[in-house]
Amino acid sequence: MAKKKSKRSPKKKSTQWWQWLAIAAGAFLLYQGIEHFLYPPKESGSKKSVSLKTKDRKKERAKDKEREKEKPAPSPVGAARPSPTPTPHASPTPPAATGGPVAKWDFSSAARFLPPEAYPDNYTALALEGSSGLLAYAKTIPGKKPGPQGLTNTQPGLRALLWNGKAYDAKELDFNAVKSELENFKLVGLPQPERRPWIGGAAKVYPMKLFFTDETRLAVAYAVVEPNGPRWATVIDSSGKASPAVFLQGTTAAVTRKVRREEKNGKFYIVSERGSLDLDAPEAGYRWKVEAYAWNGKDFVFDKELSAQLTKEKKAE
């Protein structure tokens, strides 16, 4: 019995050793297979990506050729594309003496004639005879910022652009000359001349409105535009005194003023009405004084007879 036991024990140990070896080998092969499946060699991926990139490039080249065919033919060398009209602005230097004659005076064509101190976005251009023009604008004041449309913190300006056959001569109207007639009110903003002259001929008379700073009243002024430039029309009163044709218009507590124009018997008249009220006896109403000035081709001269007649008619109202 002892001999049989000694023969069985070695066989049992040999069988267990080979089993473990087979299991380890199988596990190793299984691990290699899983790793190869999950992480393929780089060479195969790079070749695949290279082939895909090559195909994509071919497709892009084909698309580029199609786009080139669809593009319109280039314009001739001499053709120019239309450009948008630039916004008018003040030139750094007065260009009044440059450029050819203006065919039509408007906001766009007058832009190049603005002086450097002009507010650039609000002005009026009027046509005169031939290629000449009249430009009303607002002057900026150094150190002050203009308000909207240049209606505040500015001063009035009026410039005649006179075509001499070769270039433009710029002539300015002097607004300082009328300050004494306006009770030293400060003028502001651009003047408003009527678009057509009230009186024609070699000397054209343009009525215009002038405005004041912090004042509800305004001024009615008359400018004469002659071949040599603009000037203020002159009124000659009953005493023979000459002054600019500028009149206040509006009402205060004690005084009301009105200015109008009349045409009688082929003559042109400026009619000024002034009514004074006695504040201690307002029930008495206004005491009116009416003055008429007739145009003689150069100045407005006081007409005594018409003034007396109009004053009488005003008091009877």
C-alpha atoms as a PDB file:
ATOM      1  CA  MET A   1       0.000   0.000   0.000  1.00  0.00           C
ATOM      2  CA  ALA A   2       2.803   2.467   0.751  1.00  0.00           C
ATOM      3  CA  LYS A   3       4.239   2.110  -2.794  1.00  0.00           C
ATOM      4  CA  LYS A   4       0.962   2.999  -4.500  1.00  0.00           C
ATOM      5  CA  LYS A   5       0.641   6.275  -2.579  1.00  0.00           C
ATOM      6  CA  SER A   6       4.140   7.353  -3.542  1.00  0.00           C
ATOM      7  CA  LYS A   7       3.362   6.918  -7.275  1.00  0.00           C
ATOM      8  CA  ARG A   8       0.122   9.037  -7.230  1.00  0.00           C
ATOM      9  CA  SER A   9       1.509  12.166  -5.502  1.00  0.00           C
ATOM     10  CA  PRO A  10       3.963  13.202  -8.269  1.00  0.00           C
ATOM     11  CA  LYS A  11       1.260  12.888 -11.005  1.00  0.00           C
ATOM     12  CA  LYS A  12      -1.087  15.221  -9.094  1.00  0.00           C
ATOM     13  CA  LYS A  13       1.549  18.007  -8.756  1.00  0.00           C
ATOM     14  CA  SER A  14       2.470  17.798 -12.484  1.00  0.00           C
ATOM     15  CA  THR A  15      -1.151  18.266 -13.586  1.00  0.00           C
ATOM     16  CA  GLN A  16      -1.667  21.454 -11.491  1.00  0.00           C
ATOM     17  CA  TRP A  17       1.472  23.165 -12.881  1.00  0.00           C
ATOM     18  CA  TRP A  18       0.498  22.825 -16.554  1.00  0.00           C
ATOM     19  CA  GLN A  19      -2.974  24.073 -15.865  1.00  0.00           C
ATOM     20  CA  TRP A  20      -1.676  27.315 -14.407  1.00  0.00           C
ATOM     21  CA  LEU A  21       0.732  27.723 -17.309  1.00  0.00           C
ATOM     22  CA  ALA A  22      -2.076  27.324 -19.843  1.00  0.00           C
ATOM     23  CA  ILE A  23      -4.268  29.832 -18.027  1.00  0.00           C
ATOM     24  CA  ALA A  24      -1.469  32.423 -17.934  1.00  0.00           C
ATOM     25  CA  ALA A  25      -0.725  31.988 -21.629  1.00  0.00           C
ATOM     26  CA  GLY A  26      -4.370  32.355 -22.543  1.00  0.00           C
ATOM     27  CA  ALA A  27      -4.723  35.482 -20.430  1.00  0.00           C
ATOM     28  CA  PHE A  28      -1.673  37.035 -22.054  1.00  0.00           C
ATOM     29  CA  LEU A  29      -2.968  36.324 -25.559  1.00  0.00           C
ATOM     30  CA  LEU A  30      -6.383  37.714 -24.639  1.00  0.00           C
ATOM     31  CA  TYR A  31      -4.798  40.922 -23.306  1.00  0.00           C
ATOM     32  CA  GLN A  32      -2.745  41.375 -26.497  1.00  0.00           C
ATOM     33  CA  GLY A  33      -5.824  40.897 -28.623  1.00  0.00           C
ATOM     34  CA  ILE A  34      -7.867  43.437 -26.667  1.00  0.00           C
ATOM     35  CA  GLU A  35      -5.025  45.997 -26.735  1.00  0.00           C
ATOM     36  CA  HIS A  36      -4.596  45.595 -30.498  1.00  0.00           C
ATOM     37  CA  PHE A  37      -8.320  46.072 -31.012  1.00  0.00           C
ATOM     38  CA  LEU A  38      -8.610  49.150 -28.790  1.00  0.00           C
ATOM     39  CA  TYR A  39      -5.332  50.796 -29.816  1.00  0.00           C
ATOM     40  CA  PRO A  40      -4.524  50.004 -33.461  1.00  0.00           C
ATOM     41  CA  PRO A  41      -1.028  50.790 -34.769  1.00  0.00           C
ATOM     42  CA  LYS A  42      -0.400  54.415 -35.712  1.00  0.00           C
ATOM     43  CA  GLU A  43       0.707  53.591 -39.232  1.00  0.00           C
ATOM     44  CA  SER A  44      -2.708  52.412 -40.339  1.00  0.00           C
ATOM     45  CA  GLY A  45      -4.409  55.560 -38.902  1.00  0.00           C
ATOM     46  CA  SER A  46      -1.966  57.954 -40.499  1.00  0.00           C
ATOM     47  CA  LYS A  47      -2.339  56.310 -43.873  1.00  0.00           C
ATOM     48  CA  LYS A  48      -6.096  56.527 -43.598  1.00  0.00           C
ATOM     49  CA  SER A  49      -6.014  60.214 -42.594  1.00  0.00           C
ATOM     50  CA  VAL A  50      -3.601  61.010 -45.430  1.00  0.00           C
ATOM     51  CA  SER A  51      -5.901  59.405 -47.943  1.00  0.00           C
ATOM     52  CA  LEU A  52      -8.889  61.329 -46.547  1.00  0.00           C
ATOM     53  CA  LYS A  53      -7.007  64.629 -46.708  1.00  0.00           C
ATOM     54  CA  THR A  54      -6.014  63.940 -50.278  1.00  0.00           C
ATOM     55  CA  LYS A  55      -9.629  63.319 -51.246  1.00  0.00           C
ATOM     56  CA  ASP A  56     -10.749  66.503 -49.456  1.00  0.00           C
ATOM     57  CA  ARG A  57      -8.134  68.582 -51.284  1.00  0.00           C
ATOM     58  CA  LYS A  58      -9.292  67.264 -54.623  1.00  0.00           C
ATOM     59  CA  LYS A  59     -12.883  68.172 -53.757  1.00  0.00           C
ATOM     60  CA  GLU A  60     -11.839  71.724 -52.687  1.00  0.00           C
ATOM     61  CA  ARG A  61      -9.897  72.229 -55.927  1.00  0.00           C
ATOM     62  CA  ALA A  62     -12.911  71.145 -57.945  1.00  0.00           C
ATOM     63  CA  LYS A  63     -15.139  73.574 -56.028  1.00  0.00           C
ATOM     64  CA  ASP A  64     -12.627  76.432 -56.562  1.00  0.00           C
ATOM     65  CA  LYS A  65     -12.676  75.805 -60.302  1.00  0.00           C
ATOM     66  CA  GLU A  66     -16.481  75.976 -60.294  1.00  0.00           C
ATOM     67  CA  ARG A  67     -16.398  79.255 -58.341  1.00  0.00           C
ATOM     68  CA  GLU A  68     -13.913  80.770 -60.790  1.00  0.00           C
ATOM     69  CA  LYS A  69     -16.257  79.929 -63.659  1.00  0.00           C
ATOM     70  CA  GLU A  70     -19.210  81.545 -61.873  1.00  0.00           C
ATOM     71  CA  LYS A  71     -17.367  84.853 -61.189  1.00  0.00           C
ATOM     72  CA  PRO A  72     -18.353  87.772 -63.506  1.00  0.00           C
ATOM     73  CA  ALA A  73     -15.836  89.018 -65.970  1.00  0.00           C
ATOM     74  CA  PRO A  74     -13.644  91.875 -64.596  1.00  0.00           C
ATOM     75  CA  SER A  75     -14.576  95.445 -65.562  1.00  0.00           C
ATOM     76  CA  PRO A  76     -12.469  97.287 -68.126  1.00  0.00           C
ATOM     77  CA  VAL A  77      -9.502  99.130 -66.714  1.00  0.00           C
ATOM     78  CA  GLY A  78     -10.946 102.589 -67.452  1.00  0.00           C
ATOM     79  CA  ALA A  79     -14.344 101.949 -65.807  1.00  0.00           C
ATOM     80  CA  ALA A  80     -14.841 103.391 -62.311  1.00  0.00           C
ATOM     81  CA  ARG A  81     -17.277 102.191 -59.694  1.00  0.00           C
ATOM     82  CA  PRO A  82     -19.888 104.737 -58.566  1.00  0.00           C
ATOM     83  CA  SER A  83     -19.066 106.186 -55.141  1.00  0.00           C
ATOM     84  CA  PRO A  84     -21.623 107.475 -52.599  1.00  0.00           C
ATOM     85  CA  THR A  85     -22.132 111.229 -52.369  1.00  0.00           C
ATOM     86  CA  PRO A  86     -19.999 112.531 -49.480  1.00  0.00           C
ATOM     87  CA  THR A  87     -21.638 114.438 -46.650  1.00  0.00           C
ATOM     88  CA  PRO A  88     -21.042 118.157 -47.115  1.00  0.00           C
ATOM     89  CA  HIS A  89     -18.544 119.642 -44.669  1.00  0.00           C
ATOM     90  CA  ALA A  90     -16.612 122.823 -44.175  1.00  0.00           C
ATOM     91  CA  SER A  91     -13.339 123.028 -46.103  1.00  0.00           C
ATOM     92  CA  PRO A  92     -10.197 123.851 -44.112  1.00  0.00           C
ATOM     93  CA  THR A  93      -9.463 126.814 -46.394  1.00  0.00           C
ATOM     94  CA  PRO A  94     -11.822 129.076 -48.363  1.00  0.00           C
ATOM     95  CA  PRO A  95     -11.990 127.547 -51.863  1.00  0.00           C
ATOM     96  CA  ALA A  96     -14.172 130.288 -53.397  1.00  0.00           C
ATOM     97  CA  ALA A  97     -11.652 131.145 -56.104  1.00  0.00           C
ATOM     98  CA  THR A  98     -11.226 127.549 -57.324  1.00  0.00           C
ATOM     99  CA  GLY A  99     -13.278 125.235 -59.498  1.00  0.00           C
ATOM    100  CA  GLY A 100     -15.561 125.863 -62.439  1.00  0.00           C
ATOM    101  CA  PRO A 101     -18.982 127.561 -62.470  1.00  0.00           C
ATOM    102  CA  VAL A 102     -21.843 125.970 -60.539  1.00  0.00           C
ATOM    103  CA  ALA A 103     -24.636 124.665 -62.764  1.00  0.00           C
ATOM    104  CA  LYS A 104     -27.244 124.535 -59.986  1.00  0.00           C
ATOM    105  CA  TRP A 105     -26.970 126.099 -56.555  1.00  0.00           C
ATOM    106  CA  ASP A 106     -28.092 123.701 -53.820  1.00  0.00           C
ATOM    107  CA  PHE A 107     -26.879 122.230 -50.531  1.00  0.00           C
ATOM    108  CA  SER A 108     -24.380 119.907 -52.197  1.00  0.00           C
ATOM    109  CA  SER A 109     -22.908 122.289 -54.778  1.00  0.00           C
ATOM    110  CA  ALA A 110     -22.447 125.096 -52.229  1.00  0.00           C
ATOM    111  CA  ALA A 111     -20.473 122.977 -49.751  1.00  0.00           C
ATOM    112  CA  ARG A 112     -17.070 123.878 -51.191  1.00  0.00           C
ATOM    113  CA  PHE A 113     -17.730 127.600 -50.717  1.00  0.00           C
ATOM    114  CA  LEU A 114     -18.205 127.423 -46.931  1.00  0.00           C
ATOM    115  CA  PRO A 115     -15.546 129.336 -44.984  1.00  0.00           C
ATOM    116  CA  PRO A 116     -13.621 127.439 -42.279  1.00  0.00           C
ATOM    117  CA  GLU A 117     -15.650 129.019 -39.453  1.00  0.00           C
ATOM    118  CA  ALA A 118     -19.038 127.971 -40.901  1.00  0.00           C
ATOM    119  CA  TYR A 119     -21.292 125.414 -39.247  1.00  0.00           C
ATOM    120  CA  PRO A 120     -21.223 122.667 -41.908  1.00  0.00           C
ATOM    121  CA  ASP A 121     -24.632 120.959 -41.652  1.00  0.00           C
ATOM    122  CA  ASN A 122     -27.126 123.809 -41.966  1.00  0.00           C
ATOM    123  CA  TYR A 123     -26.953 126.490 -44.654  1.00  0.00           C
ATOM    124  CA  THR A 124     -28.979 127.870 -47.573  1.00  0.00           C
ATOM    125  CA  ALA A 125     -27.791 128.359 -51.147  1.00  0.00           C
ATOM    126  CA  LEU A 126     -29.671 130.701 -53.486  1.00  0.00           C
ATOM    127  CA  ALA A 127     -29.043 131.238 -57.181  1.00  0.00           C
ATOM    128  CA  LEU A 128     -28.202 134.677 -58.538  1.00  0.00           C
ATOM    129  CA  GLU A 129     -27.863 135.683 -62.181  1.00  0.00           C
ATOM    130  CA  GLY A 130     -25.519 133.639 -64.319  1.00  0.00           C
ATOM    131  CA  SER A 131     -23.507 131.178 -62.243  1.00  0.00           C
ATOM    132  CA  SER A 132     -23.347 133.379 -59.125  1.00  0.00           C
ATOM    133  CA  GLY A 133     -24.932 132.397 -55.834  1.00  0.00           C
ATOM    134  CA  LEU A 134     -25.836 133.562 -52.365  1.00  0.00           C
ATOM    135  CA  LEU A 135     -24.880 131.489 -49.322  1.00  0.00           C
ATOM    136  CA  ALA A 136     -26.474 132.020 -45.878  1.00  0.00           C
ATOM    137  CA  TYR A 137     -24.822 130.151 -43.015  1.00  0.00           C
ATOM    138  CA  ALA A 138     -24.053 130.221 -39.281  1.00  0.00           C
ATOM    139  CA  LYS A 139     -20.585 131.165 -38.045  1.00  0.00           C
ATOM    140  CA  THR A 140     -19.112 129.206 -35.173  1.00  0.00           C
ATOM    141  CA  ILE A 141     -17.727 131.172 -32.228  1.00  0.00           C
ATOM    142  CA  PRO A 142     -14.220 130.243 -30.997  1.00  0.00           C
ATOM    143  CA  GLY A 143     -14.403 128.439 -27.664  1.00  0.00           C
ATOM    144  CA  LYS A 144     -18.165 127.743 -27.898  1.00  0.00           C
ATOM    145  CA  LYS A 145     -19.849 124.543 -29.012  1.00  0.00           C
ATOM    146  CA  PRO A 146     -22.690 125.151 -31.500  1.00  0.00           C
ATOM    147  CA  GLY A 147     -26.118 123.827 -30.611  1.00  0.00           C
ATOM    148  CA  PRO A 148     -28.199 121.528 -32.843  1.00  0.00           C
ATOM    149  CA  GLN A 149     -28.320 122.750 -36.451  1.00  0.00           C
ATOM    150  CA  GLY A 150     -26.054 125.641 -35.444  1.00  0.00           C
ATOM    151  CA  LEU A 151     -28.990 127.613 -34.058  1.00  0.00           C
ATOM    152  CA  THR A 152     -27.254 128.536 -30.795  1.00  0.00           C
ATOM    153  CA  ASN A 153     -23.723 129.668 -29.913  1.00  0.00           C
ATOM    154  CA  THR A 154     -23.219 130.908 -33.476  1.00  0.00           C
ATOM    155  CA  GLN A 155     -23.470 134.142 -35.460  1.00  0.00           C
ATOM    156  CA  PRO A 156     -25.150 134.864 -38.815  1.00  0.00           C
ATOM    157  CA  GLY A 157     -23.128 134.921 -42.025  1.00  0.00           C
ATOM    158  CA  LEU A 158     -24.030 135.720 -45.628  1.00  0.00           C
ATOM    159  CA  ARG A 159     -21.665 135.372 -48.565  1.00  0.00           C
ATOM    160  CA  ALA A 160     -22.157 136.234 -52.227  1.00  0.00           C
ATOM    161  CA  LEU A 161     -20.216 134.043 -54.686  1.00  0.00           C
ATOM    162  CA  LEU A 162     -19.806 136.130 -57.843  1.00  0.00           C
ATOM    163  CA  TRP A 163     -18.596 134.395 -61.012  1.00  0.00           C
ATOM    164  CA  ASN A 164     -16.205 136.642 -62.950  1.00  0.00           C
ATOM    165  CA  GLY A 165     -15.827 134.313 -65.926  1.00  0.00           C
ATOM    166  CA  LYS A 166     -12.754 132.558 -64.575  1.00  0.00           C
ATOM    167  CA  ALA A 167     -13.299 132.080 -60.843  1.00  0.00           C
ATOM    168  CA  TYR A 168     -15.542 133.046 -57.938  1.00  0.00           C
ATOM    169  CA  ASP A 169     -15.114 136.211 -55.909  1.00  0.00           C
ATOM    170  CA  ALA A 170     -16.429 135.813 -52.353  1.00  0.00           C
ATOM    171  CA  LYS A 171     -17.989 138.903 -50.768  1.00  0.00           C
ATOM    172  CA  GLU A 172     -19.228 138.890 -47.169  1.00  0.00           C
ATOM    173  CA  LEU A 173     -22.066 140.918 -45.640  1.00  0.00           C
ATOM    174  CA  ASP A 174     -21.005 142.754 -42.475  1.00  0.00           C
ATOM    175  CA  PHE A 175     -23.468 141.944 -39.672  1.00  0.00           C
ATOM    176  CA  ASN A 176     -21.611 144.137 -37.202  1.00  0.00           C
ATOM    177  CA  ALA A 177     -22.934 147.153 -39.116  1.00  0.00           C
ATOM    178  CA  VAL A 178     -26.509 146.541 -37.888  1.00  0.00           C
ATOM    179  CA  LYS A 179     -25.852 146.041 -34.172  1.00  0.00           C
ATOM    180  CA  SER A 180     -26.652 149.652 -33.320  1.00  0.00           C
ATOM    181  CA  GLU A 181     -30.096 149.275 -34.917  1.00  0.00           C
ATOM    182  CA  LEU A 182     -30.975 146.233 -32.809  1.00  0.00           C
ATOM    183  CA  GLU A 183     -30.634 147.639 -29.292  1.00  0.00           C
ATOM    184  CA  ASN A 184     -27.394 145.673 -28.977  1.00  0.00           C
ATOM    185  CA  PHE A 185     -29.173 142.302 -29.014  1.00  0.00           C
ATOM    186  CA  LYS A 186     -26.864 139.419 -29.846  1.00  0.00           C
ATOM    187  CA  LEU A 187     -27.603 137.869 -33.219  1.00  0.00           C
ATOM    188  CA  VAL A 188     -27.552 134.074 -33.363  1.00  0.00           C
ATOM    189  CA  GLY A 189     -27.863 131.307 -35.944  1.00  0.00           C
ATOM    190  CA  LEU A 190     -28.008 131.556 -39.703  1.00  0.00           C
ATOM    191  CA  PRO A 191     -30.018 134.311 -41.436  1.00  0.00           C
ATOM    192  CA  GLN A 192     -33.158 133.346 -43.359  1.00  0.00           C
ATOM    193  CA  PRO A 193     -33.300 135.215 -46.676  1.00  0.00           C
ATOM    194  CA  GLU A 194     -36.281 134.722 -48.947  1.00  0.00           C
ATOM    195  CA  ARG A 195     -35.490 132.424 -51.824  1.00  0.00           C
ATOM    196  CA  ARG A 196     -36.300 135.059 -54.452  1.00  0.00           C
ATOM    197  CA  PRO A 197     -35.561 138.768 -54.393  1.00  0.00           C
ATOM    198  CA  TRP A 198     -38.419 141.073 -53.528  1.00  0.00           C
ATOM    199  CA  ILE A 199     -37.079 143.727 -55.928  1.00  0.00           C
ATOM    200  CA  GLY A 200     -35.222 142.691 -59.082  1.00  0.00           C
ATOM    201  CA  GLY A 201     -32.885 144.500 -61.409  1.00  0.00           C
ATOM    202  CA  ALA A 202     -29.169 145.190 -61.203  1.00  0.00           C
ATOM    203  CA  ALA A 203     -29.565 145.757 -57.451  1.00  0.00           C
ATOM    204  CA  LYS A 204     -31.651 142.920 -55.996  1.00  0.00           C
ATOM    205  CA  VAL A 205     -33.302 143.392 -52.604  1.00  0.00           C
ATOM    206  CA  TYR A 206     -33.578 140.321 -50.381  1.00  0.00           C
ATOM    207  CA  PRO A 207     -35.692 140.490 -47.208  1.00  0.00           C
ATOM    208  CA  MET A 208     -34.386 138.234 -44.449  1.00  0.00           C
ATOM    209  CA  LYS A 209     -35.075 137.305 -40.846  1.00  0.00           C
ATOM    210  CA  LEU A 210     -32.457 137.560 -38.115  1.00  0.00           C
ATOM    211  CA  PHE A 211     -32.732 135.990 -34.677  1.00  0.00           C
ATOM    212  CA  PHE A 212     -31.519 136.868 -31.189  1.00  0.00           C
ATOM    213  CA  THR A 213     -30.149 134.968 -28.212  1.00  0.00           C
ATOM    214  CA  ASP A 214     -32.768 134.486 -25.453  1.00  0.00           C
ATOM    215  CA  GLU A 215     -35.263 136.826 -27.123  1.00  0.00           C
ATOM    216  CA  THR A 216     -38.696 136.093 -28.613  1.00  0.00           C
ATOM    217  CA  ARG A 217     -38.548 139.086 -30.949  1.00  0.00           C
ATOM    218  CA  LEU A 218     -36.695 138.992 -34.246  1.00  0.00           C
ATOM    219  CA  ALA A 219     -35.371 141.424 -36.825  1.00  0.00           C
ATOM    220  CA  VAL A 220     -36.484 141.964 -40.412  1.00  0.00           C
ATOM    221  CA  ALA A 221     -33.573 143.142 -42.535  1.00  0.00           C
ATOM    222  CA  TYR A 222     -33.111 144.031 -46.206  1.00  0.00           C
ATOM    223  CA  ALA A 223     -29.906 143.281 -48.084  1.00  0.00           C
ATOM    224  CA  VAL A 224     -29.018 144.490 -51.566  1.00  0.00           C
ATOM    225  CA  VAL A 225     -26.984 142.203 -53.825  1.00  0.00           C
ATOM    226  CA  GLU A 226     -25.198 144.109 -56.585  1.00  0.00           C
ATOM    227  CA  PRO A 227     -22.652 143.010 -59.214  1.00  0.00           C
ATOM    228  CA  ASN A 228     -19.830 143.992 -56.864  1.00  0.00           C
ATOM    229  CA  GLY A 229     -21.243 142.213 -53.816  1.00  0.00           C
ATOM    230  CA  PRO A 230     -23.850 142.439 -51.016  1.00  0.00           C
ATOM    231  CA  ARG A 231     -24.606 145.416 -48.783  1.00  0.00           C
ATOM    232  CA  TRP A 232     -27.296 146.465 -46.364  1.00  0.00           C
ATOM    233  CA  ALA A 233     -30.111 148.450 -47.893  1.00  0.00           C
ATOM    234  CA  THR A 234     -30.199 151.999 -46.568  1.00  0.00           C
ATOM    235  CA  VAL A 235     -33.242 153.843 -45.199  1.00  0.00           C
ATOM    236  CA  ILE A 236     -33.203 157.645 -45.151  1.00  0.00           C
ATOM    237  CA  ASP A 237     -35.567 159.062 -42.517  1.00  0.00           C
ATOM    238  CA  SER A 238     -37.502 162.356 -42.432  1.00  0.00           C
ATOM    239  CA  SER A 239     -34.440 164.233 -41.159  1.00  0.00           C
ATOM    240  CA  GLY A 240     -32.177 162.862 -43.899  1.00  0.00           C
ATOM    241  CA  LYS A 241     -30.334 160.461 -41.596  1.00  0.00           C
ATOM    242  CA  ALA A 242     -29.211 157.219 -43.247  1.00  0.00           C
ATOM    243  CA  SER A 243     -29.157 153.888 -41.421  1.00  0.00           C
ATOM    244  CA  PRO A 244     -29.247 150.161 -42.325  1.00  0.00           C
ATOM    245  CA  ALA A 245     -32.680 148.814 -43.273  1.00  0.00           C
ATOM    246  CA  VAL A 246     -33.082 146.613 -40.190  1.00  0.00           C
ATOM    247  CA  PHE A 247     -36.258 146.663 -38.083  1.00  0.00           C
ATOM    248  CA  LEU A 248     -37.275 145.001 -34.828  1.00  0.00           C
ATOM    249  CA  GLN A 249     -40.457 142.973 -34.928  1.00  0.00           C
ATOM    250  CA  GLY A 250     -42.381 141.674 -31.923  1.00  0.00           C
ATOM    251  CA  THR A 251     -44.143 142.804 -28.766  1.00  0.00           C
ATOM    252  CA  THR A 252     -43.111 143.767 -25.244  1.00  0.00           C
ATOM    253  CA  ALA A 253     -45.237 145.028 -22.362  1.00  0.00           C
ATOM    254  CA  ALA A 254     -45.286 148.600 -23.664  1.00  0.00           C
ATOM    255  CA  VAL A 255     -44.281 148.482 -27.339  1.00  0.00           C
ATOM    256  CA  THR A 256     -45.286 146.466 -30.365  1.00  0.00           C
ATOM    257  CA  ARG A 257     -43.527 146.640 -33.730  1.00  0.00           C
ATOM    258  CA  LYS A 258     -44.531 145.344 -37.136  1.00  0.00           C
ATOM    259  CA  VAL A 259     -42.820 145.472 -40.527  1.00  0.00           C
ATOM    260  CA  ARG A 260     -44.426 144.772 -43.873  1.00  0.00           C
ATOM    261  CA  ARG A 261     -43.949 145.439 -47.591  1.00  0.00           C
ATOM    262  CA  GLU A 262     -46.282 147.231 -49.967  1.00  0.00           C
ATOM    263  CA  GLU A 263     -46.424 147.978 -53.670  1.00  0.00           C
ATOM    264  CA  LYS A 264     -48.336 151.094 -54.731  1.00  0.00           C
ATOM    265  CA  ASN A 265     -48.396 152.697 -58.158  1.00  0.00           C
ATOM    266  CA  GLY A 266     -45.430 150.661 -59.329  1.00  0.00           C
ATOM    267  CA  LYS A 267     -43.312 151.589 -56.304  1.00  0.00           C
ATOM    268  CA  PHE A 268     -41.932 149.362 -53.558  1.00  0.00           C
ATOM    269  CA  TYR A 269     -42.300 150.417 -49.916  1.00  0.00           C
ATOM    270  CA  ILE A 270     -41.078 149.199 -46.548  1.00  0.00           C
ATOM    271  CA  VAL A 271     -43.744 150.050 -43.978  1.00  0.00           C
ATOM    272  CA  SER A 272     -42.766 150.159 -40.304  1.00  0.00           C
ATOM    273  CA  GLU A 273     -45.471 150.284 -37.621  1.00  0.00           C
ATOM    274  CA  ARG A 274     -44.714 151.150 -34.004  1.00  0.00           C
ATOM    275  CA  GLY A 275     -47.389 151.114 -31.309  1.00  0.00           C
ATOM    276  CA  SER A 276     -46.744 152.514 -27.808  1.00  0.00           C
ATOM    277  CA  LEU A 277     -48.914 151.618 -24.845  1.00  0.00           C
ATOM    278  CA  ASP A 278     -49.304 153.768 -21.730  1.00  0.00           C
ATOM    279  CA  LEU A 279     -49.092 151.231 -18.924  1.00  0.00           C
ATOM    280  CA  ASP A 280     -50.823 153.670 -16.544  1.00  0.00           C
ATOM    281  CA  ALA A 281     -53.802 153.926 -18.895  1.00  0.00           C
ATOM    282  CA  PRO A 282     -53.789 150.745 -21.027  1.00  0.00           C
ATOM    283  CA  GLU A 283     -57.475 151.191 -21.788  1.00  0.00           C
ATOM    284  CA  ALA A 284     -56.510 154.027 -24.147  1.00  0.00           C
ATOM    285  CA  GLY A 285     -54.857 151.500 -26.461  1.00  0.00           C
ATOM    286  CA  TYR A 286     -51.766 151.883 -28.609  1.00  0.00           C
ATOM    287  CA  ARG A 287     -50.522 155.160 -30.027  1.00  0.00           C
ATOM    288  CA  TRP A 288     -49.407 154.309 -33.530  1.00  0.00           C
ATOM    289  CA  LYS A 289     -46.730 155.798 -35.727  1.00  0.00           C
ATOM    290  CA  VAL A 290     -46.384 154.458 -39.276  1.00  0.00           C
ATOM    291  CA  GLU A 291     -43.436 155.232 -41.537  1.00  0.00           C
ATOM    292  CA  ALA A 292     -43.200 154.334 -45.229  1.00  0.00           C
ATOM    293  CA  TYR A 293     -39.942 154.223 -47.184  1.00  0.00           C
ATOM    294  CA  ALA A 294     -39.961 154.112 -50.992  1.00  0.00           C
ATOM    295  CA  TRP A 295     -37.285 152.361 -53.071  1.00  0.00           C
ATOM    296  CA  ASN A 296     -35.585 154.697 -55.545  1.00  0.00           C
ATOM    297  CA  GLY A 297     -33.303 152.094 -57.116  1.00  0.00           C
ATOM    298  CA  LYS A 298     -30.559 152.602 -54.541  1.00  0.00           C
ATOM    299  CA  ASP A 299     -32.036 153.424 -51.125  1.00  0.00           C
ATOM    300  CA  PHE A 300     -35.368 153.466 -49.270  1.00  0.00           C
ATOM    301  CA  VAL A 301     -36.376 157.110 -48.779  1.00  0.00           C
ATOM    302  CA  PHE A 302     -38.993 158.368 -46.323  1.00  0.00           C
ATOM    303  CA  ASP A 303     -42.344 159.136 -47.988  1.00  0.00           C
ATOM    304  CA  LYS A 304     -44.052 161.855 -45.918  1.00  0.00           C
ATOM    305  CA  GLU A 305     -47.478 161.768 -47.579  1.00  0.00           C
ATOM    306  CA  LEU A 306     -47.890 157.990 -47.521  1.00  0.00           C
ATOM    307  CA  SER A 307     -46.624 157.814 -43.944  1.00  0.00           C
ATOM    308  CA  ALA A 308     -49.248 160.327 -42.776  1.00  0.00           C
ATOM    309  CA  GLN A 309     -51.991 158.495 -44.651  1.00  0.00           C
ATOM    310  CA  LEU A 310     -51.057 155.094 -43.217  1.00  0.00           C
ATOM    311  CA  THR A 311     -50.775 156.481 -39.700  1.00  0.00           C
ATOM    312  CA  LYS A 312     -54.266 157.942 -39.971  1.00  0.00           C
ATOM    313  CA  GLU A 313     -55.651 154.637 -41.229  1.00  0.00           C
ATOM    314  CA  LYS A 314     -53.957 152.716 -38.417  1.00  0.00           C
ATOM    315  CA  LYS A 315     -55.379 154.970 -35.705  1.00  0.00           C
ATOM    316  CA  ALA A 316     -58.870 154.504 -37.140  1.00  0.00           C
ATOM    317  CA  GLU A 317     -58.732 150.707 -36.814  1.00  0.00           C
END
